[in-house]
Amino acid sequence: AGLSQFAGKWKCSMYEALFAESLGTALSAK
């Protein structure tokens, strides 16, 4: 869900969002 919301915000696919440098703003390190 966090990945999907992040992808929606940045208008990219979920797979592309997975490697985004700023993903830490949406999800924990684990």
PDB file of all heavy atoms in Angstrom:
ATOM      1  N   ALA A   1       0.836  -1.206   0.000  1.00  0.00           N
ATOM      2  CA  ALA A   1       0.000   0.000   0.000  1.00  0.00           C
ATOM      3  C   ALA A   1       0.873   1.259   0.000  1.00  0.00           C
ATOM      4  O   ALA A   1       0.622   2.204  -0.753  1.00  0.00           O
ATOM      5  CB  ALA A   1      -0.921  -0.011   1.215  1.00  0.00           C
ATOM      6  N   GLY A   2       1.914   1.244   0.843  1.00  0.00           N
ATOM      7  CA  GLY A   2       2.816   2.405   0.887  1.00  0.00           C
ATOM      8  C   GLY A   2       3.528   2.618  -0.434  1.00  0.00           C
ATOM      9  O   GLY A   2       3.669   3.751  -0.913  1.00  0.00           O
ATOM     10  N   LEU A   3       3.977   1.506  -1.038  1.00  0.00           N
ATOM     11  CA  LEU A   3       4.653   1.591  -2.342  1.00  0.00           C
ATOM     12  C   LEU A   3       3.693   2.132  -3.400  1.00  0.00           C
ATOM     13  O   LEU A   3       4.067   2.977  -4.226  1.00  0.00           O
ATOM     14  CB  LEU A   3       5.165   0.202  -2.743  1.00  0.00           C
ATOM     15  CG  LEU A   3       5.883   0.109  -4.092  1.00  0.00           C
ATOM     16  CD1 LEU A   3       7.212   0.867  -4.041  1.00  0.00           C
ATOM     17  CD2 LEU A   3       6.130  -1.351  -4.481  1.00  0.00           C
ATOM     18  N   SER A   4       2.437   1.632  -3.380  1.00  0.00           N
ATOM     19  CA  SER A   4       1.438   2.057  -4.367  1.00  0.00           C
ATOM     20  C   SER A   4       1.133   3.552  -4.239  1.00  0.00           C
ATOM     21  O   SER A   4       1.045   4.268  -5.237  1.00  0.00           O
ATOM     22  CB  SER A   4       0.158   1.229  -4.193  1.00  0.00           C
ATOM     23  OG  SER A   4      -0.842   1.672  -5.068  1.00  0.00           O
ATOM     24  N   GLN A   5       0.979   4.019  -2.993  1.00  0.00           N
ATOM     25  CA  GLN A   5       0.695   5.444  -2.779  1.00  0.00           C
ATOM     26  C   GLN A   5       1.869   6.312  -3.247  1.00  0.00           C
ATOM     27  O   GLN A   5       1.676   7.363  -3.869  1.00  0.00           O
ATOM     28  CB  GLN A   5       0.399   5.688  -1.298  1.00  0.00           C
ATOM     29  CG  GLN A   5      -0.956   5.153  -0.864  1.00  0.00           C
ATOM     30  CD  GLN A   5      -1.116   5.092   0.650  1.00  0.00           C
ATOM     31  OE1 GLN A   5      -0.166   5.326   1.401  1.00  0.00           O
ATOM     32  NE2 GLN A   5      -2.310   4.747   1.092  1.00  0.00           N
ATOM     33  N   PHE A   6       3.080   5.832  -2.982  1.00  0.00           N
ATOM     34  CA  PHE A   6       4.275   6.556  -3.424  1.00  0.00           C
ATOM     35  C   PHE A   6       4.326   6.610  -4.958  1.00  0.00           C
ATOM     36  O   PHE A   6       4.603   7.660  -5.547  1.00  0.00           O
ATOM     37  CB  PHE A   6       5.519   5.853  -2.863  1.00  0.00           C
ATOM     38  CG  PHE A   6       6.818   6.515  -3.235  1.00  0.00           C
ATOM     39  CD1 PHE A   6       7.343   7.543  -2.461  1.00  0.00           C
ATOM     40  CD2 PHE A   6       7.527   6.116  -4.365  1.00  0.00           C
ATOM     41  CE1 PHE A   6       8.547   8.159  -2.805  1.00  0.00           C
ATOM     42  CE2 PHE A   6       8.724   6.724  -4.718  1.00  0.00           C
ATOM     43  CZ  PHE A   6       9.229   7.756  -3.935  1.00  0.00           C
ATOM     44  N   ALA A   7       4.043   5.462  -5.602  1.00  0.00           N
ATOM     45  CA  ALA A   7       4.053   5.401  -7.073  1.00  0.00           C
ATOM     46  C   ALA A   7       2.986   6.321  -7.655  1.00  0.00           C
ATOM     47  O   ALA A   7       3.212   6.998  -8.668  1.00  0.00           O
ATOM     48  CB  ALA A   7       3.827   3.961  -7.531  1.00  0.00           C
ATOM     49  N   GLY A   8       1.807   6.333  -7.012  1.00  0.00           N
ATOM     50  CA  GLY A   8       0.730   7.201  -7.487  1.00  0.00           C
ATOM     51  C   GLY A   8       1.106   8.668  -7.380  1.00  0.00           C
ATOM     52  O   GLY A   8       0.836   9.463  -8.286  1.00  0.00           O
ATOM     53  N   LYS A   9       1.774   9.019  -6.287  1.00  0.00           N
ATOM     54  CA  LYS A   9       2.174  10.413  -6.064  1.00  0.00           C
ATOM     55  C   LYS A   9       3.172  10.877  -7.122  1.00  0.00           C
ATOM     56  O   LYS A   9       3.090  11.996  -7.640  1.00  0.00           O
ATOM     57  CB  LYS A   9       2.783  10.544  -4.662  1.00  0.00           C
ATOM     58  CG  LYS A   9       3.252  11.943  -4.310  1.00  0.00           C
ATOM     59  CD  LYS A   9       3.868  11.976  -2.915  1.00  0.00           C
ATOM     60  CE  LYS A   9       4.414  13.356  -2.588  1.00  0.00           C
ATOM     61  NZ  LYS A   9       5.067  13.368  -1.247  1.00  0.00           N
ATOM     62  N   TRP A  10       4.119   9.984  -7.480  1.00  0.00           N
ATOM     63  CA  TRP A  10       5.162  10.357  -8.430  1.00  0.00           C
ATOM     64  C   TRP A  10       4.872   9.892  -9.859  1.00  0.00           C
ATOM     65  O   TRP A  10       5.725  10.005 -10.740  1.00  0.00           O
ATOM     66  CB  TRP A  10       6.521   9.809  -7.964  1.00  0.00           C
ATOM     67  CG  TRP A  10       6.942  10.456  -6.678  1.00  0.00           C
ATOM     68  CD1 TRP A  10       6.876   9.916  -5.429  1.00  0.00           C
ATOM     69  CD2 TRP A  10       7.448  11.781  -6.519  1.00  0.00           C
ATOM     70  NE1 TRP A  10       7.301  10.816  -4.491  1.00  0.00           N
ATOM     71  CE2 TRP A  10       7.677  11.986  -5.131  1.00  0.00           C
ATOM     72  CE3 TRP A  10       7.736  12.824  -7.399  1.00  0.00           C
ATOM     73  CZ2 TRP A  10       8.167  13.171  -4.617  1.00  0.00           C
ATOM     74  CZ3 TRP A  10       8.231  14.018  -6.885  1.00  0.00           C
ATOM     75  CH2 TRP A  10       8.445  14.187  -5.516  1.00  0.00           C
ATOM     76  N   LYS A  11       3.645   9.366 -10.050  1.00  0.00           N
ATOM     77  CA  LYS A  11       3.182   8.957 -11.395  1.00  0.00           C
ATOM     78  C   LYS A  11       4.166   8.015 -12.094  1.00  0.00           C
ATOM     79  O   LYS A  11       4.615   8.266 -13.222  1.00  0.00           O
ATOM     80  CB  LYS A  11       2.899  10.177 -12.276  1.00  0.00           C
ATOM     81  CG  LYS A  11       1.826  11.090 -11.717  1.00  0.00           C
ATOM     82  CD  LYS A  11       1.365  12.110 -12.732  1.00  0.00           C
ATOM     83  CE  LYS A  11       0.351  13.086 -12.153  1.00  0.00           C
ATOM     84  NZ  LYS A  11      -0.742  12.491 -11.444  1.00  0.00           N
ATOM     85  N   CYS A  12       4.535   6.964 -11.383  1.00  0.00           N
ATOM     86  CA  CYS A  12       5.411   5.946 -11.969  1.00  0.00           C
ATOM     87  C   CYS A  12       4.861   4.566 -11.613  1.00  0.00           C
ATOM     88  O   CYS A  12       3.937   4.447 -10.797  1.00  0.00           O
ATOM     89  CB  CYS A  12       6.847   6.103 -11.465  1.00  0.00           C
ATOM     90  SG  CYS A  12       7.024   5.881  -9.677  1.00  0.00           S
ATOM     91  N   SER A  13       5.406   3.533 -12.228  1.00  0.00           N
ATOM     92  CA  SER A  13       4.950   2.174 -11.906  1.00  0.00           C
ATOM     93  C   SER A  13       5.468   1.777 -10.529  1.00  0.00           C
ATOM     94  O   SER A  13       6.416   2.373  -9.994  1.00  0.00           O
ATOM     95  CB  SER A  13       5.461   1.189 -12.955  1.00  0.00           C
ATOM     96  OG  SER A  13       6.861   1.010 -12.827  1.00  0.00           O
ATOM     97  N   MET A  14       4.859   0.751  -9.956  1.00  0.00           N
ATOM     98  CA  MET A  14       5.273   0.292  -8.629  1.00  0.00           C
ATOM     99  C   MET A  14       6.699  -0.267  -8.661  1.00  0.00           C
ATOM    100  O   MET A  14       7.467  -0.087  -7.712  1.00  0.00           O
ATOM    101  CB  MET A  14       4.281  -0.754  -8.107  1.00  0.00           C
ATOM    102  CG  MET A  14       2.918  -0.145  -7.807  1.00  0.00           C
ATOM    103  SD  MET A  14       1.627  -1.357  -7.446  1.00  0.00           S
ATOM    104  CE  MET A  14       2.079  -1.809  -5.773  1.00  0.00           C
ATOM    105  N   TYR A  15       7.044  -0.937  -9.760  1.00  0.00           N
ATOM    106  CA  TYR A  15       8.394  -1.500  -9.855  1.00  0.00           C
ATOM    107  C   TYR A  15       9.435  -0.380  -9.924  1.00  0.00           C
ATOM    108  O   TYR A  15      10.488  -0.440  -9.289  1.00  0.00           O
ATOM    109  CB  TYR A  15       8.512  -2.411 -11.082  1.00  0.00           C
ATOM    110  CG  TYR A  15       9.801  -3.200 -11.107  1.00  0.00           C
ATOM    111  CD1 TYR A  15       9.905  -4.413 -10.441  1.00  0.00           C
ATOM    112  CD2 TYR A  15      10.921  -2.726 -11.792  1.00  0.00           C
ATOM    113  CE1 TYR A  15      11.097  -5.137 -10.446  1.00  0.00           C
ATOM    114  CE2 TYR A  15      12.113  -3.430 -11.807  1.00  0.00           C
ATOM    115  CZ  TYR A  15      12.193  -4.635 -11.134  1.00  0.00           C
ATOM    116  OH  TYR A  15      13.362  -5.339 -11.136  1.00  0.00           O
ATOM    117  N   GLU A  16       9.119   0.662 -10.696  1.00  0.00           N
ATOM    118  CA  GLU A  16      10.049   1.796 -10.799  1.00  0.00           C
ATOM    119  C   GLU A  16      10.186   2.498  -9.447  1.00  0.00           C
ATOM    120  O   GLU A  16      11.285   2.881  -9.029  1.00  0.00           O
ATOM    121  CB  GLU A  16       9.541   2.777 -11.858  1.00  0.00           C
ATOM    122  CG  GLU A  16      10.494   3.913 -12.166  1.00  0.00           C
ATOM    123  CD  GLU A  16       9.927   4.886 -13.191  1.00  0.00           C
ATOM    124  OE1 GLU A  16       8.901   4.552 -13.837  1.00  0.00           O
ATOM    125  OE2 GLU A  16      10.497   5.975 -13.330  1.00  0.00           O
ATOM    126  N   ALA A  17       9.054   2.628  -8.726  1.00  0.00           N
ATOM    127  CA  ALA A  17       9.052   3.295  -7.420  1.00  0.00           C
ATOM    128  C   ALA A  17       9.896   2.541  -6.406  1.00  0.00           C
ATOM    129  O   ALA A  17      10.501   3.135  -5.499  1.00  0.00           O
ATOM    130  CB  ALA A  17       7.618   3.421  -6.907  1.00  0.00           C
ATOM    131  N   LEU A  18       9.959   1.238  -6.572  1.00  0.00           N
ATOM    132  CA  LEU A  18      10.686   0.361  -5.650  1.00  0.00           C
ATOM    133  C   LEU A  18      12.151   0.788  -5.476  1.00  0.00           C
ATOM    134  O   LEU A  18      12.731   0.647  -4.405  1.00  0.00           O
ATOM    135  CB  LEU A  18      10.577  -1.061  -6.215  1.00  0.00           C
ATOM    136  CG  LEU A  18      11.084  -2.295  -5.509  1.00  0.00           C
ATOM    137  CD1 LEU A  18      10.277  -3.495  -5.985  1.00  0.00           C
ATOM    138  CD2 LEU A  18      12.541  -2.537  -5.863  1.00  0.00           C
ATOM    139  N   PHE A  19      12.762   1.330  -6.544  1.00  0.00           N
ATOM    140  CA  PHE A  19      14.182   1.707  -6.504  1.00  0.00           C
ATOM    141  C   PHE A  19      14.397   3.216  -6.331  1.00  0.00           C
ATOM    142  O   PHE A  19      15.528   3.698  -6.420  1.00  0.00           O
ATOM    143  CB  PHE A  19      14.886   1.231  -7.780  1.00  0.00           C
ATOM    144  CG  PHE A  19      14.972  -0.268  -7.895  1.00  0.00           C
ATOM    145  CD1 PHE A  19      14.204  -0.952  -8.828  1.00  0.00           C
ATOM    146  CD2 PHE A  19      15.811  -1.002  -7.058  1.00  0.00           C
ATOM    147  CE1 PHE A  19      14.276  -2.338  -8.932  1.00  0.00           C
ATOM    148  CE2 PHE A  19      15.890  -2.386  -7.158  1.00  0.00           C
ATOM    149  CZ  PHE A  19      15.114  -3.060  -8.096  1.00  0.00           C
ATOM    150  N   ALA A  20      13.307   3.956  -6.082  1.00  0.00           N
ATOM    151  CA  ALA A  20      13.441   5.416  -5.953  1.00  0.00           C
ATOM    152  C   ALA A  20      14.217   5.772  -4.682  1.00  0.00           C
ATOM    153  O   ALA A  20      14.009   5.184  -3.619  1.00  0.00           O
ATOM    154  CB  ALA A  20      12.058   6.065  -5.925  1.00  0.00           C
ATOM    155  N   GLU A  21      15.102   6.750  -4.785  1.00  0.00           N
ATOM    156  CA  GLU A  21      15.938   7.152  -3.641  1.00  0.00           C
ATOM    157  C   GLU A  21      15.099   7.711  -2.491  1.00  0.00           C
ATOM    158  O   GLU A  21      15.442   7.558  -1.320  1.00  0.00           O
ATOM    159  CB  GLU A  21      16.966   8.200  -4.081  1.00  0.00           C
ATOM    160  CG  GLU A  21      18.065   7.627  -4.968  1.00  0.00           C
ATOM    161  CD  GLU A  21      19.111   8.673  -5.332  1.00  0.00           C
ATOM    162  OE1 GLU A  21      19.101   9.751  -4.693  1.00  0.00           O
ATOM    163  OE2 GLU A  21      19.913   8.418  -6.246  1.00  0.00           O
ATOM    164  N   SER A  22      13.978   8.343  -2.842  1.00  0.00           N
ATOM    165  CA  SER A  22      13.160   8.984  -1.802  1.00  0.00           C
ATOM    166  C   SER A  22      12.084   8.059  -1.226  1.00  0.00           C
ATOM    167  O   SER A  22      11.211   8.512  -0.488  1.00  0.00           O
ATOM    168  CB  SER A  22      12.491  10.249  -2.367  1.00  0.00           C
ATOM    169  OG  SER A  22      11.748   9.930  -3.534  1.00  0.00           O
ATOM    170  N   LEU A  23      12.146   6.749  -1.533  1.00  0.00           N
ATOM    171  CA  LEU A  23      11.128   5.816  -1.031  1.00  0.00           C
ATOM    172  C   LEU A  23      11.145   5.764   0.499  1.00  0.00           C
ATOM    173  O   LEU A  23      10.133   5.443   1.133  1.00  0.00           O
ATOM    174  CB  LEU A  23      11.359   4.411  -1.624  1.00  0.00           C
ATOM    175  CG  LEU A  23      10.304   3.343  -1.310  1.00  0.00           C
ATOM    176  CD1 LEU A  23       8.918   3.763  -1.789  1.00  0.00           C
ATOM    177  CD2 LEU A  23      10.680   1.992  -1.931  1.00  0.00           C
ATOM    178  N   GLY A  24      12.283   6.112   1.094  1.00  0.00           N
ATOM    179  CA  GLY A  24      12.400   6.110   2.557  1.00  0.00           C
ATOM    180  C   GLY A  24      11.440   7.069   3.235  1.00  0.00           C
ATOM    181  O   GLY A  24      11.170   6.942   4.438  1.00  0.00           O
ATOM    182  N   THR A  25      10.902   8.031   2.493  1.00  0.00           N
ATOM    183  CA  THR A  25       9.920   8.951   3.078  1.00  0.00           C
ATOM    184  C   THR A  25       8.566   8.280   3.267  1.00  0.00           C
ATOM    185  O   THR A  25       7.709   8.796   3.991  1.00  0.00           O
ATOM    186  CB  THR A  25       9.735  10.193   2.172  1.00  0.00           C
ATOM    187  OG1 THR A  25       9.260   9.751   0.873  1.00  0.00           O
ATOM    188  CG2 THR A  25      11.041  10.944   2.002  1.00  0.00           C
ATOM    189  N   ALA A  26       8.368   7.131   2.594  1.00  0.00           N
ATOM    190  CA  ALA A  26       7.065   6.455   2.654  1.00  0.00           C
ATOM    191  C   ALA A  26       7.118   5.127   3.398  1.00  0.00           C
ATOM    192  O   ALA A  26       6.110   4.687   3.956  1.00  0.00           O
ATOM    193  CB  ALA A  26       6.529   6.226   1.232  1.00  0.00           C
ATOM    194  N   LEU A  27       8.304   4.476   3.409  1.00  0.00           N
ATOM    195  CA  LEU A  27       8.398   3.135   3.984  1.00  0.00           C
ATOM    196  C   LEU A  27       9.602   3.032   4.922  1.00  0.00           C
ATOM    197  O   LEU A  27      10.572   3.800   4.802  1.00  0.00           O
ATOM    198  CB  LEU A  27       8.538   2.089   2.867  1.00  0.00           C
ATOM    199  CG  LEU A  27       7.370   1.931   1.894  1.00  0.00           C
ATOM    200  CD1 LEU A  27       7.746   0.951   0.784  1.00  0.00           C
ATOM    201  CD2 LEU A  27       6.109   1.459   2.601  1.00  0.00           C
ATOM    202  N   SER A  28       9.550   2.052   5.818  1.00  0.00           N
ATOM    203  CA  SER A  28      10.660   1.827   6.750  1.00  0.00           C
ATOM    204  C   SER A  28      11.811   1.130   6.034  1.00  0.00           C
ATOM    205  O   SER A  28      11.643   0.563   4.951  1.00  0.00           O
ATOM    206  CB  SER A  28      10.189   0.954   7.917  1.00  0.00           C
ATOM    207  OG  SER A  28       9.953  -0.375   7.464  1.00  0.00           O
ATOM    208  N   ALA A  29      12.981   1.151   6.678  1.00  0.00           N
ATOM    209  CA  ALA A  29      14.168   0.507   6.096  1.00  0.00           C
ATOM    210  C   ALA A  29      13.934  -0.991   5.899  1.00  0.00           C
ATOM    211  O   ALA A  29      14.365  -1.570   4.894  1.00  0.00           O
ATOM    212  CB  ALA A  29      15.381   0.745   7.000  1.00  0.00           C
ATOM    213  N   LYS A  30      13.227  -1.620   6.859  1.00  0.00           N
ATOM    214  CA  LYS A  30      12.962  -3.062   6.750  1.00  0.00           C
ATOM    215  C   LYS A  30      12.068  -3.355   5.544  1.00  0.00           C
ATOM    216  O   LYS A  30      12.306  -4.302   4.786  1.00  0.00           O
ATOM    217  CB  LYS A  30      12.301  -3.565   8.036  1.00  0.00           C
ATOM    218  CG  LYS A  30      12.095  -5.072   8.067  1.00  0.00           C
ATOM    219  CD  LYS A  30      11.422  -5.517   9.356  1.00  0.00           C
ATOM    220  CE  LYS A  30      11.157  -7.019   9.324  1.00  0.00           C
ATOM    221  NZ  LYS A  30      10.418  -7.476  10.530  1.00  0.00           N
TER     222      LYS A  30
END
